[in-house]
Amino acid sequence: MSLIRNWGRIGTNGKTMMQTFDGTAKAVEAFGRLERAKRRRGYAAVDEKLSR
């Protein structure tokens, strides 16, 4: 199972990082950690921003 992350300025190719895990559970756990860290920094899901 892999977790693929993309980031960069709008309108550019940006950067990509792929992390590979032994199983689905470990990939989901890594995604959860990443999501919590982003939310602590003020990020929100796209659909949450649209509903405001």
N, C-alpha and C. Protein backbone atom coordinates (compact mmCIF):
# COMPACT_ATOMS: atom_id res chain seq x y z
N MET A 1 0.85 -1.17 0.00
CA MET A 1 0.00 0.00 0.00
C MET A 1 0.90 1.23 0.00
N SER A 2 0.51 2.25 -0.74
CA SER A 2 1.30 3.47 -0.85
C SER A 2 0.47 4.69 -0.51
N LEU A 3 1.14 5.70 0.01
CA LEU A 3 0.54 7.00 0.30
C LEU A 3 1.29 8.00 -0.57
N ILE A 4 0.57 8.66 -1.49
CA ILE A 4 1.20 9.60 -2.42
C ILE A 4 0.77 11.00 -2.03
N ARG A 5 1.76 11.88 -1.82
CA ARG A 5 1.49 13.25 -1.42
C ARG A 5 1.97 14.19 -2.52
N ASN A 6 1.16 15.20 -2.82
CA ASN A 6 1.51 16.23 -3.80
C ASN A 6 1.35 17.59 -3.14
N TRP A 7 2.30 18.49 -3.41
CA TRP A 7 2.19 19.84 -2.89
C TRP A 7 2.96 20.80 -3.78
N GLY A 8 2.63 22.06 -3.67
CA GLY A 8 3.31 23.09 -4.45
C GLY A 8 2.36 24.24 -4.73
N ARG A 9 2.90 25.26 -5.38
CA ARG A 9 2.09 26.43 -5.71
C ARG A 9 1.09 26.08 -6.80
N ILE A 10 -0.04 26.73 -6.77
CA ILE A 10 -1.06 26.53 -7.80
C ILE A 10 -0.49 26.97 -9.14
N GLY A 11 -0.72 26.15 -10.16
CA GLY A 11 -0.23 26.46 -11.49
C GLY A 11 1.15 25.89 -11.80
N THR A 12 1.77 25.20 -10.83
CA THR A 12 3.07 24.58 -11.06
C THR A 12 2.94 23.07 -10.92
N ASN A 13 3.98 22.37 -11.35
CA ASN A 13 3.98 20.91 -11.20
C ASN A 13 4.13 20.50 -9.75
N GLY A 14 4.79 21.30 -8.95
CA GLY A 14 4.96 21.00 -7.54
C GLY A 14 5.86 19.80 -7.31
N LYS A 15 5.73 19.21 -6.15
CA LYS A 15 6.55 18.06 -5.77
C LYS A 15 5.65 16.90 -5.38
N THR A 16 6.19 15.70 -5.49
CA THR A 16 5.46 14.49 -5.14
C THR A 16 6.34 13.61 -4.28
N MET A 17 5.75 12.98 -3.26
CA MET A 17 6.46 12.03 -2.42
C MET A 17 5.59 10.80 -2.27
N MET A 18 6.18 9.62 -2.44
CA MET A 18 5.44 8.38 -2.28
C MET A 18 6.05 7.59 -1.12
N GLN A 19 5.21 7.22 -0.16
CA GLN A 19 5.63 6.38 0.96
C GLN A 19 4.96 5.03 0.78
N THR A 20 5.72 3.95 0.92
CA THR A 20 5.20 2.61 0.77
C THR A 20 5.13 1.93 2.13
N PHE A 21 4.03 1.22 2.39
CA PHE A 21 3.80 0.57 3.67
C PHE A 21 3.54 -0.92 3.48
N ASP A 22 3.76 -1.69 4.55
CA ASP A 22 3.56 -3.15 4.50
C ASP A 22 2.09 -3.52 4.39
N GLY A 23 1.21 -2.69 4.91
CA GLY A 23 -0.21 -3.02 4.88
C GLY A 23 -1.08 -1.78 4.88
N THR A 24 -2.35 -2.02 4.65
CA THR A 24 -3.32 -0.93 4.60
C THR A 24 -3.41 -0.21 5.94
N ALA A 25 -3.39 -0.94 7.03
CA ALA A 25 -3.53 -0.33 8.35
C ALA A 25 -2.43 0.69 8.61
N LYS A 26 -1.20 0.35 8.24
CA LYS A 26 -0.08 1.28 8.47
C LYS A 26 -0.21 2.52 7.58
N ALA A 27 -0.70 2.36 6.36
CA ALA A 27 -0.90 3.50 5.46
C ALA A 27 -2.00 4.41 6.00
N VAL A 28 -3.08 3.84 6.48
CA VAL A 28 -4.18 4.63 7.04
C VAL A 28 -3.71 5.37 8.29
N GLU A 29 -2.90 4.73 9.11
CA GLU A 29 -2.36 5.36 10.31
C GLU A 29 -1.47 6.55 9.95
N ALA A 30 -0.63 6.38 8.94
CA ALA A 30 0.24 7.48 8.49
C ALA A 30 -0.59 8.64 7.95
N PHE A 31 -1.64 8.33 7.18
CA PHE A 31 -2.52 9.38 6.66
C PHE A 31 -3.19 10.13 7.81
N GLY A 32 -3.64 9.42 8.82
CA GLY A 32 -4.27 10.05 9.98
C GLY A 32 -3.32 11.00 10.69
N ARG A 33 -2.06 10.57 10.87
CA ARG A 33 -1.06 11.45 11.51
C ARG A 33 -0.83 12.70 10.68
N LEU A 34 -0.73 12.53 9.37
CA LEU A 34 -0.53 13.68 8.48
C LEU A 34 -1.72 14.63 8.53
N GLU A 35 -2.92 14.08 8.50
CA GLU A 35 -4.13 14.91 8.55
C GLU A 35 -4.20 15.70 9.86
N ARG A 36 -3.92 15.06 10.98
CA ARG A 36 -3.96 15.76 12.27
C ARG A 36 -2.93 16.89 12.31
N ALA A 37 -1.73 16.63 11.79
CA ALA A 37 -0.69 17.67 11.78
C ALA A 37 -1.12 18.86 10.93
N LYS A 38 -1.72 18.61 9.78
CA LYS A 38 -2.16 19.69 8.90
C LYS A 38 -3.29 20.49 9.55
N ARG A 39 -4.24 19.81 10.19
CA ARG A 39 -5.35 20.51 10.84
C ARG A 39 -4.87 21.37 12.00
N ARG A 40 -3.84 20.90 12.74
CA ARG A 40 -3.27 21.71 13.82
C ARG A 40 -2.68 23.00 13.27
N ARG A 41 -2.19 22.96 12.03
CA ARG A 41 -1.60 24.14 11.40
C ARG A 41 -2.63 25.01 10.71
N GLY A 42 -3.92 24.63 10.77
CA GLY A 42 -4.96 25.48 10.22
C GLY A 42 -5.53 25.06 8.88
N TYR A 43 -5.04 23.95 8.33
CA TYR A 43 -5.57 23.47 7.06
C TYR A 43 -6.96 22.87 7.28
N ALA A 44 -7.79 22.92 6.25
CA ALA A 44 -9.13 22.33 6.31
C ALA A 44 -9.38 21.60 5.00
N ALA A 45 -10.28 20.64 5.03
CA ALA A 45 -10.64 19.91 3.82
C ALA A 45 -11.31 20.85 2.84
N VAL A 46 -11.18 20.59 1.56
CA VAL A 46 -11.73 21.47 0.54
C VAL A 46 -13.23 21.62 0.69
N ASP A 47 -13.96 20.52 0.93
CA ASP A 47 -15.41 20.61 1.06
C ASP A 47 -15.82 21.39 2.30
N GLU A 48 -15.01 21.40 3.36
CA GLU A 48 -15.32 22.20 4.55
C GLU A 48 -15.20 23.69 4.23
N LYS A 49 -14.24 24.07 3.41
CA LYS A 49 -14.07 25.48 3.05
C LYS A 49 -15.23 25.95 2.18
N LEU A 50 -15.73 25.10 1.32
CA LEU A 50 -16.82 25.48 0.43
C LEU A 50 -18.13 25.67 1.18
N SER A 51 -18.31 24.96 2.31
CA SER A 51 -19.58 25.04 3.03
C SER A 51 -19.66 26.25 3.96
N ARG A 52 -18.57 27.00 4.10
CA ARG A 52 -18.58 28.16 5.00
C ARG A 52 -19.28 29.33 4.40
